[in-house]
PDB file of N, CA and C in Angstrom:
ATOM      1  N   MET A   1       0.834  -1.187   0.000  1.00  0.00           N
ATOM      2  CA  MET A   1       0.000   0.000   0.000  1.00  0.00           C
ATOM      3  C   MET A   1       0.876   1.247   0.000  1.00  0.00           C
ATOM      4  N   THR A   2       0.430   2.248  -0.712  1.00  0.00           N
ATOM      5  CA  THR A   2       1.142   3.511  -0.776  1.00  0.00           C
ATOM      6  C   THR A   2       0.438   4.520   0.127  1.00  0.00           C
ATOM      7  N   ASN A   3       1.169   5.063   1.043  1.00  0.00           N
ATOM      8  CA  ASN A   3       0.639   6.043   1.971  1.00  0.00           C
ATOM      9  C   ASN A   3       0.572   7.406   1.271  1.00  0.00           C
ATOM     10  N   VAL A   4      -0.541   8.086   1.413  1.00  0.00           N
ATOM     11  CA  VAL A   4      -0.727   9.372   0.734  1.00  0.00           C
ATOM     12  C   VAL A   4       0.195  10.438   1.318  1.00  0.00           C
ATOM     13  N   TYR A   5       0.572  10.294   2.574  1.00  0.00           N
ATOM     14  CA  TYR A   5       1.355  11.327   3.232  1.00  0.00           C
ATOM     15  C   TYR A   5       2.852  11.181   3.008  1.00  0.00           C
ATOM     16  N   SER A   6       3.272  10.148   2.305  1.00  0.00           N
ATOM     17  CA  SER A   6       4.681  10.010   1.979  1.00  0.00           C
ATOM     18  C   SER A   6       4.947  10.680   0.630  1.00  0.00           C
ATOM     19  N   PHE A   7       6.218  10.875   0.313  1.00  0.00           N
ATOM     20  CA  PHE A   7       6.565  11.556  -0.932  1.00  0.00           C
ATOM     21  C   PHE A   7       6.163  10.737  -2.151  1.00  0.00           C
ATOM     22  N   ASP A   8       6.372   9.421  -2.110  1.00  0.00           N
ATOM     23  CA  ASP A   8       5.991   8.610  -3.258  1.00  0.00           C
ATOM     24  C   ASP A   8       4.473   8.496  -3.386  1.00  0.00           C
ATOM     25  N   GLY A   9       3.749   8.598  -2.266  1.00  0.00           N
ATOM     26  CA  GLY A   9       2.293   8.623  -2.328  1.00  0.00           C
ATOM     27  C   GLY A   9       1.771   9.877  -2.999  1.00  0.00           C
ATOM     28  N   ILE A  10       2.423  10.995  -2.723  1.00  0.00           N
ATOM     29  CA  ILE A  10       2.036  12.255  -3.372  1.00  0.00           C
ATOM     30  C   ILE A  10       2.329  12.197  -4.867  1.00  0.00           C
ATOM     31  N   LEU A  11       3.461  11.584  -5.234  1.00  0.00           N
ATOM     32  CA  LEU A  11       3.784  11.436  -6.659  1.00  0.00           C
ATOM     33  C   LEU A  11       2.776  10.544  -7.375  1.00  0.00           C
ATOM     34  N   VAL A  12       2.383   9.446  -6.745  1.00  0.00           N
ATOM     35  CA  VAL A  12       1.386   8.551  -7.341  1.00  0.00           C
ATOM     36  C   VAL A  12       0.060   9.284  -7.505  1.00  0.00           C
ATOM     37  N   PHE A  13      -0.348  10.009  -6.479  1.00  0.00           N
ATOM     38  CA  PHE A  13      -1.602  10.764  -6.562  1.00  0.00           C
ATOM     39  C   PHE A  13      -1.546  11.802  -7.679  1.00  0.00           C
ATOM     40  N   GLY A  14      -0.434  12.518  -7.780  1.00  0.00           N
ATOM     41  CA  GLY A  14      -0.304  13.530  -8.835  1.00  0.00           C
ATOM     42  C   GLY A  14      -0.340  12.924 -10.225  1.00  0.00           C
ATOM     43  N   LEU A  15       0.343  11.820 -10.419  1.00  0.00           N
ATOM     44  CA  LEU A  15       0.331  11.162 -11.734  1.00  0.00           C
ATOM     45  C   LEU A  15      -1.053  10.641 -12.086  1.00  0.00           C
ATOM     46  N   LEU A  16      -1.726  10.022 -11.125  1.00  0.00           N
ATOM     47  CA  LEU A  16      -3.085   9.542 -11.393  1.00  0.00           C
ATOM     48  C   LEU A  16      -4.045  10.686 -11.669  1.00  0.00           C
ATOM     49  N   PHE A  17      -3.874  11.798 -10.972  1.00  0.00           N
ATOM     50  CA  PHE A  17      -4.722  12.970 -11.192  1.00  0.00           C
ATOM     51  C   PHE A  17      -4.513  13.531 -12.600  1.00  0.00           C
ATOM     52  N   ILE A  18      -3.259  13.635 -13.030  1.00  0.00           N
ATOM     53  CA  ILE A  18      -2.958  14.154 -14.363  1.00  0.00           C
ATOM     54  C   ILE A  18      -3.494  13.213 -15.437  1.00  0.00           C
ATOM     55  N   CYS A  19      -3.301  11.911 -15.255  1.00  0.00           N
ATOM     56  CA  CYS A  19      -3.785  10.940 -16.240  1.00  0.00           C
ATOM     57  C   CYS A  19      -5.311  10.929 -16.325  1.00  0.00           C
ATOM     58  N   THR A  20      -5.967  11.039 -15.176  1.00  0.00           N
ATOM     59  CA  THR A  20      -7.432  11.055 -15.163  1.00  0.00           C
ATOM     60  C   THR A  20      -7.979  12.302 -15.847  1.00  0.00           C
ATOM     61  N   CYS A  21      -7.403  13.446 -15.572  1.00  0.00           N
ATOM     62  CA  CYS A  21      -7.867  14.684 -16.194  1.00  0.00           C
ATOM     63  C   CYS A  21      -7.607  14.683 -17.699  1.00  0.00           C
ATOM     64  N   ALA A  22      -6.483  14.123 -18.122  1.00  0.00           N
ATOM     65  CA  ALA A  22      -6.201  14.037 -19.556  1.00  0.00           C
ATOM     66  C   ALA A  22      -7.188  13.105 -20.245  1.00  0.00           C
ATOM     67  N   TYR A  23      -7.576  12.022 -19.577  1.00  0.00           N
ATOM     68  CA  TYR A  23      -8.579  11.127 -20.151  1.00  0.00           C
ATOM     69  C   TYR A  23      -9.939  11.805 -20.219  1.00  0.00           C
ATOM     70  N   LEU A  24     -10.315  12.509 -19.158  1.00  0.00           N
ATOM     71  CA  LEU A  24     -11.620  13.170 -19.141  1.00  0.00           C
ATOM     72  C   LEU A  24     -11.715  14.291 -20.168  1.00  0.00           C
ATOM     73  N   LYS A  25     -10.578  14.818 -20.601  1.00  0.00           N
ATOM     74  CA  LYS A  25     -10.596  15.856 -21.632  1.00  0.00           C
ATOM     75  C   LYS A  25     -11.061  15.294 -22.971  1.00  0.00           C
ATOM     76  N   LYS A  26     -10.873  13.996 -23.176  1.00  0.00           N
ATOM     77  CA  LYS A  26     -11.296  13.360 -24.423  1.00  0.00           C
ATOM     78  C   LYS A  26     -12.782  13.012 -24.441  1.00  0.00           C
ATOM     79  N   VAL A  27     -13.435  12.982 -23.283  1.00  0.00           N
ATOM     80  CA  VAL A  27     -14.861  12.677 -23.190  1.00  0.00           C
ATOM     81  C   VAL A  27     -15.626  13.989 -23.340  1.00  0.00           C
ATOM     82  N   PRO A  28     -16.454  14.123 -24.391  1.00  0.00           N
ATOM     83  CA  PRO A  28     -17.079  15.430 -24.677  1.00  0.00           C
ATOM     84  C   PRO A  28     -17.946  15.980 -23.533  1.00  0.00           C
ATOM     85  N   ARG A  29     -18.763  15.156 -22.924  1.00  0.00           N
ATOM     86  CA  ARG A  29     -19.653  15.653 -21.876  1.00  0.00           C
ATOM     87  C   ARG A  29     -18.864  16.075 -20.639  1.00  0.00           C
ATOM     88  N   MET A  30     -17.847  15.307 -20.294  1.00  0.00           N
ATOM     89  CA  MET A  30     -17.028  15.654 -19.131  1.00  0.00           C
ATOM     90  C   MET A  30     -16.150  16.873 -19.424  1.00  0.00           C
ATOM     91  N   ASN A  31     -15.709  17.003 -20.654  1.00  0.00           N
ATOM     92  CA  ASN A  31     -14.895  18.156 -21.033  1.00  0.00           C
ATOM     93  C   ASN A  31     -15.685  19.449 -20.856  1.00  0.00           C
ATOM     94  N   ALA A  32     -16.933  19.434 -21.277  1.00  0.00           N
ATOM     95  CA  ALA A  32     -17.756  20.641 -21.154  1.00  0.00           C
ATOM     96  C   ALA A  32     -18.121  20.923 -19.701  1.00  0.00           C
ATOM     97  N   TRP A  33     -18.277  19.892 -18.897  1.00  0.00           N
ATOM     98  CA  TRP A  33     -18.719  20.083 -17.523  1.00  0.00           C
ATOM     99  C   TRP A  33     -17.569  20.376 -16.569  1.00  0.00           C
ATOM    100  N   LEU A  34     -16.507  19.589 -16.647  1.00  0.00           N
ATOM    101  CA  LEU A  34     -15.449  19.669 -15.641  1.00  0.00           C
ATOM    102  C   LEU A  34     -14.303  20.578 -16.058  1.00  0.00           C
ATOM    103  N   LEU A  35     -13.971  20.593 -17.328  1.00  0.00           N
ATOM    104  CA  LEU A  35     -12.777  21.294 -17.780  1.00  0.00           C
ATOM    105  C   LEU A  35     -13.073  22.616 -18.481  1.00  0.00           C
ATOM    106  N   SER A  36     -14.258  23.155 -18.287  1.00  0.00           N
ATOM    107  CA  SER A  36     -14.602  24.408 -18.955  1.00  0.00           C
ATOM    108  C   SER A  36     -13.985  25.627 -18.273  1.00  0.00           C
ATOM    109  N   GLU A  37     -13.787  25.551 -16.964  1.00  0.00           N
ATOM    110  CA  GLU A  37     -13.194  26.669 -16.225  1.00  0.00           C
ATOM    111  C   GLU A  37     -11.671  26.617 -16.321  1.00  0.00           C
ATOM    112  N   LYS A  38     -11.073  27.776 -16.587  1.00  0.00           N
ATOM    113  CA  LYS A  38      -9.623  27.833 -16.694  1.00  0.00           C
ATOM    114  C   LYS A  38      -8.981  28.555 -15.508  1.00  0.00           C
ATOM    115  N   ARG A  39      -9.782  29.090 -14.604  1.00  0.00           N
ATOM    116  CA  ARG A  39      -9.279  29.806 -13.433  1.00  0.00           C
ATOM    117  C   ARG A  39      -9.946  29.272 -12.185  1.00  0.00           C
ATOM    118  N   GLY A  40      -9.338  29.583 -11.072  1.00  0.00           N
ATOM    119  CA  GLY A  40      -9.919  29.202  -9.791  1.00  0.00           C
ATOM    120  C   GLY A  40      -9.635  27.763  -9.422  1.00  0.00           C
ATOM    121  N   VAL A  41     -10.456  27.244  -8.520  1.00  0.00           N
ATOM    122  CA  VAL A  41     -10.271  25.885  -8.030  1.00  0.00           C
ATOM    123  C   VAL A  41     -10.509  24.866  -9.136  1.00  0.00           C
ATOM    124  N   TRP A  42     -11.526  25.069  -9.951  1.00  0.00           N
ATOM    125  CA  TRP A  42     -11.819  24.137 -11.039  1.00  0.00           C
ATOM    126  C   TRP A  42     -10.787  24.218 -12.154  1.00  0.00           C
ATOM    127  N   GLY A  43     -10.002  25.270 -12.183  1.00  0.00           N
ATOM    128  CA  GLY A  43      -8.951  25.406 -13.177  1.00  0.00           C
ATOM    129  C   GLY A  43      -7.812  24.426 -12.982  1.00  0.00           C
ATOM    130  N   VAL A  44      -7.698  23.858 -11.790  1.00  0.00           N
ATOM    131  CA  VAL A  44      -6.672  22.847 -11.535  1.00  0.00           C
ATOM    132  C   VAL A  44      -6.908  21.631 -12.420  1.00  0.00           C
ATOM    133  N   PHE A  45      -8.173  21.248 -12.611  1.00  0.00           N
ATOM    134  CA  PHE A  45      -8.496  20.120 -13.482  1.00  0.00           C
ATOM    135  C   PHE A  45      -8.088  20.418 -14.922  1.00  0.00           C
ATOM    136  N   TYR A  46      -8.369  21.628 -15.377  1.00  0.00           N
ATOM    137  CA  TYR A  46      -7.998  22.016 -16.738  1.00  0.00           C
ATOM    138  C   TYR A  46      -6.482  22.012 -16.916  1.00  0.00           C
ATOM    139  N   LYS A  47      -5.769  22.555 -15.954  1.00  0.00           N
ATOM    140  CA  LYS A  47      -4.309  22.618 -16.061  1.00  0.00           C
ATOM    141  C   LYS A  47      -3.683  21.234 -16.015  1.00  0.00           C
ATOM    142  N   ALA A  48      -4.230  20.345 -15.208  1.00  0.00           N
ATOM    143  CA  ALA A  48      -3.726  18.967 -15.179  1.00  0.00           C
ATOM    144  C   ALA A  48      -4.005  18.263 -16.502  1.00  0.00           C
ATOM    145  N   ALA A  49      -5.149  18.541 -17.118  1.00  0.00           N
ATOM    146  CA  ALA A  49      -5.462  17.941 -18.412  1.00  0.00           C
ATOM    147  C   ALA A  49      -4.525  18.452 -19.496  1.00  0.00           C
ATOM    148  N   VAL A  50      -4.190  19.725 -19.448  1.00  0.00           N
ATOM    149  CA  VAL A  50      -3.251  20.285 -20.419  1.00  0.00           C
ATOM    150  C   VAL A  50      -1.865  19.672 -20.242  1.00  0.00           C
ATOM    151  N   ILE A  51      -1.422  19.510 -19.012  1.00  0.00           N
ATOM    152  CA  ILE A  51      -0.128  18.872 -18.757  1.00  0.00           C
ATOM    153  C   ILE A  51      -0.138  17.444 -19.279  1.00  0.00           C
ATOM    154  N   GLY A  52      -1.224  16.722 -19.040  1.00  0.00           N
ATOM    155  CA  GLY A  52      -1.318  15.340 -19.478  1.00  0.00           C
ATOM    156  C   GLY A  52      -1.348  15.174 -20.982  1.00  0.00           C
ATOM    157  N   THR A  53      -1.959  16.122 -21.698  1.00  0.00           N
ATOM    158  CA  THR A  53      -2.028  15.988 -23.150  1.00  0.00           C
ATOM    159  C   THR A  53      -0.767  16.501 -23.831  1.00  0.00           C
ATOM    160  N   ARG A  54      -0.169  17.543 -23.314  1.00  0.00           N
ATOM    161  CA  ARG A  54       1.033  18.084 -23.958  1.00  0.00           C
ATOM    162  C   ARG A  54       2.286  17.274 -23.647  1.00  0.00           C
ATOM    163  N   LEU A  55       2.377  16.745 -22.449  1.00  0.00           N
ATOM    164  CA  LEU A  55       3.550  15.970 -22.038  1.00  0.00           C
ATOM    165  C   LEU A  55       3.194  14.495 -21.896  1.00  0.00           C
ATOM    166  N   HIS A  56       2.406  13.960 -22.829  1.00  0.00           N
ATOM    167  CA  HIS A  56       1.903  12.602 -22.678  1.00  0.00           C
ATOM    168  C   HIS A  56       3.025  11.561 -22.650  1.00  0.00           C
ATOM    169  N   ALA A  57       4.099  11.756 -23.382  1.00  0.00           N
ATOM    170  CA  ALA A  57       5.194  10.781 -23.377  1.00  0.00           C
ATOM    171  C   ALA A  57       5.917  10.789 -22.031  1.00  0.00           C
ATOM    172  N   ALA A  58       6.170  11.958 -21.493  1.00  0.00           N
ATOM    173  CA  ALA A  58       6.851  12.054 -20.201  1.00  0.00           C
ATOM    174  C   ALA A  58       5.968  11.539 -19.068  1.00  0.00           C
ATOM    175  N   VAL A  59       4.682  11.824 -19.128  1.00  0.00           N
ATOM    176  CA  VAL A  59       3.761  11.352 -18.099  1.00  0.00           C
ATOM    177  C   VAL A  59       3.652   9.832 -18.153  1.00  0.00           C
ATOM    178  N   ALA A  60       3.587   9.264 -19.346  1.00  0.00           N
ATOM    179  CA  ALA A  60       3.519   7.812 -19.482  1.00  0.00           C
ATOM    180  C   ALA A  60       4.789   7.150 -18.948  1.00  0.00           C
ATOM    181  N   LEU A  61       5.935   7.730 -19.232  1.00  0.00           N
ATOM    182  CA  LEU A  61       7.193   7.186 -18.730  1.00  0.00           C
ATOM    183  C   LEU A  61       7.250   7.268 -17.198  1.00  0.00           C
ATOM    184  N   CYS A  62       6.786   8.362 -16.643  1.00  0.00           N
ATOM    185  CA  CYS A  62       6.741   8.497 -15.184  1.00  0.00           C
ATOM    186  C   CYS A  62       5.772   7.490 -14.560  1.00  0.00           C
ATOM    187  N   CYS A  63       4.640   7.234 -15.217  1.00  0.00           N
ATOM    188  CA  CYS A  63       3.686   6.256 -14.692  1.00  0.00           C
ATOM    189  C   CYS A  63       4.283   4.854 -14.687  1.00  0.00           C
ATOM    190  N   VAL A  64       4.971   4.490 -15.759  1.00  0.00           N
ATOM    191  CA  VAL A  64       5.587   3.161 -15.834  1.00  0.00           C
ATOM    192  C   VAL A  64       6.690   3.029 -14.790  1.00  0.00           C
ATOM    193  N   SER A  65       7.523   4.039 -14.661  1.00  0.00           N
ATOM    194  CA  SER A  65       8.600   3.962 -13.668  1.00  0.00           C
ATOM    195  C   SER A  65       8.055   3.953 -12.242  1.00  0.00           C
ATOM    196  N   MET A  66       6.995   4.701 -11.970  1.00  0.00           N
ATOM    197  CA  MET A  66       6.397   4.699 -10.643  1.00  0.00           C
ATOM    198  C   MET A  66       5.726   3.358 -10.351  1.00  0.00           C
ATOM    199  N   ALA A  67       5.106   2.753 -11.346  1.00  0.00           N
ATOM    200  CA  ALA A  67       4.503   1.434 -11.155  1.00  0.00           C
ATOM    201  C   ALA A  67       5.583   0.402 -10.837  1.00  0.00           C
ATOM    202  N   PHE A  68       6.709   0.453 -11.548  1.00  0.00           N
ATOM    203  CA  PHE A  68       7.819  -0.453 -11.274  1.00  0.00           C
ATOM    204  C   PHE A  68       8.344  -0.242  -9.851  1.00  0.00           C
ATOM    205  N   TYR A  69       8.460   1.003  -9.439  1.00  0.00           N
ATOM    206  CA  TYR A  69       8.951   1.318  -8.096  1.00  0.00           C
ATOM    207  C   TYR A  69       7.988   0.780  -7.020  1.00  0.00           C
ATOM    208  N   VAL A  70       6.707   1.031  -7.203  1.00  0.00           N
ATOM    209  CA  VAL A  70       5.730   0.632  -6.181  1.00  0.00           C
ATOM    210  C   VAL A  70       5.607  -0.893  -6.119  1.00  0.00           C
ATOM    211  N   LEU A  71       5.656  -1.563  -7.268  1.00  0.00           N
ATOM    212  CA  LEU A  71       5.461  -3.003  -7.279  1.00  0.00           C
ATOM    213  C   LEU A  71       6.688  -3.790  -6.853  1.00  0.00           C
ATOM    214  N   PHE A  72       7.866  -3.372  -7.272  1.00  0.00           N
ATOM    215  CA  PHE A  72       9.036  -4.209  -7.082  1.00  0.00           C
ATOM    216  C   PHE A  72      10.048  -3.674  -6.076  1.00  0.00           C
ATOM    217  N   ILE A  73      10.182  -2.392  -5.926  1.00  0.00           N
ATOM    218  CA  ILE A  73      11.217  -1.840  -5.065  1.00  0.00           C
ATOM    219  C   ILE A  73      10.705  -1.562  -3.660  1.00  0.00           C
ATOM    220  N   LYS A  74       9.524  -0.981  -3.577  1.00  0.00           N
ATOM    221  CA  LYS A  74       8.997  -0.595  -2.263  1.00  0.00           C
ATOM    222  C   LYS A  74       8.464  -1.780  -1.509  1.00  0.00           C
TER     223      LYS A  74
END
């Protein structure tokens, strides 16, 4: 189990958040509902989706390396 309050738990949460927001950007109904705001608290979802779509290769590499770390090293 990964503890949320540890550094690797925060990294896992951040990667999953970015990947989820990037996926939801591709769903038309969710894109209009969740990612329409670009400022404020709801703007965090939009910014995470932009990071996930623009840096998709780096995010995918980080997800694979974090999965390897959590499964085999930790």
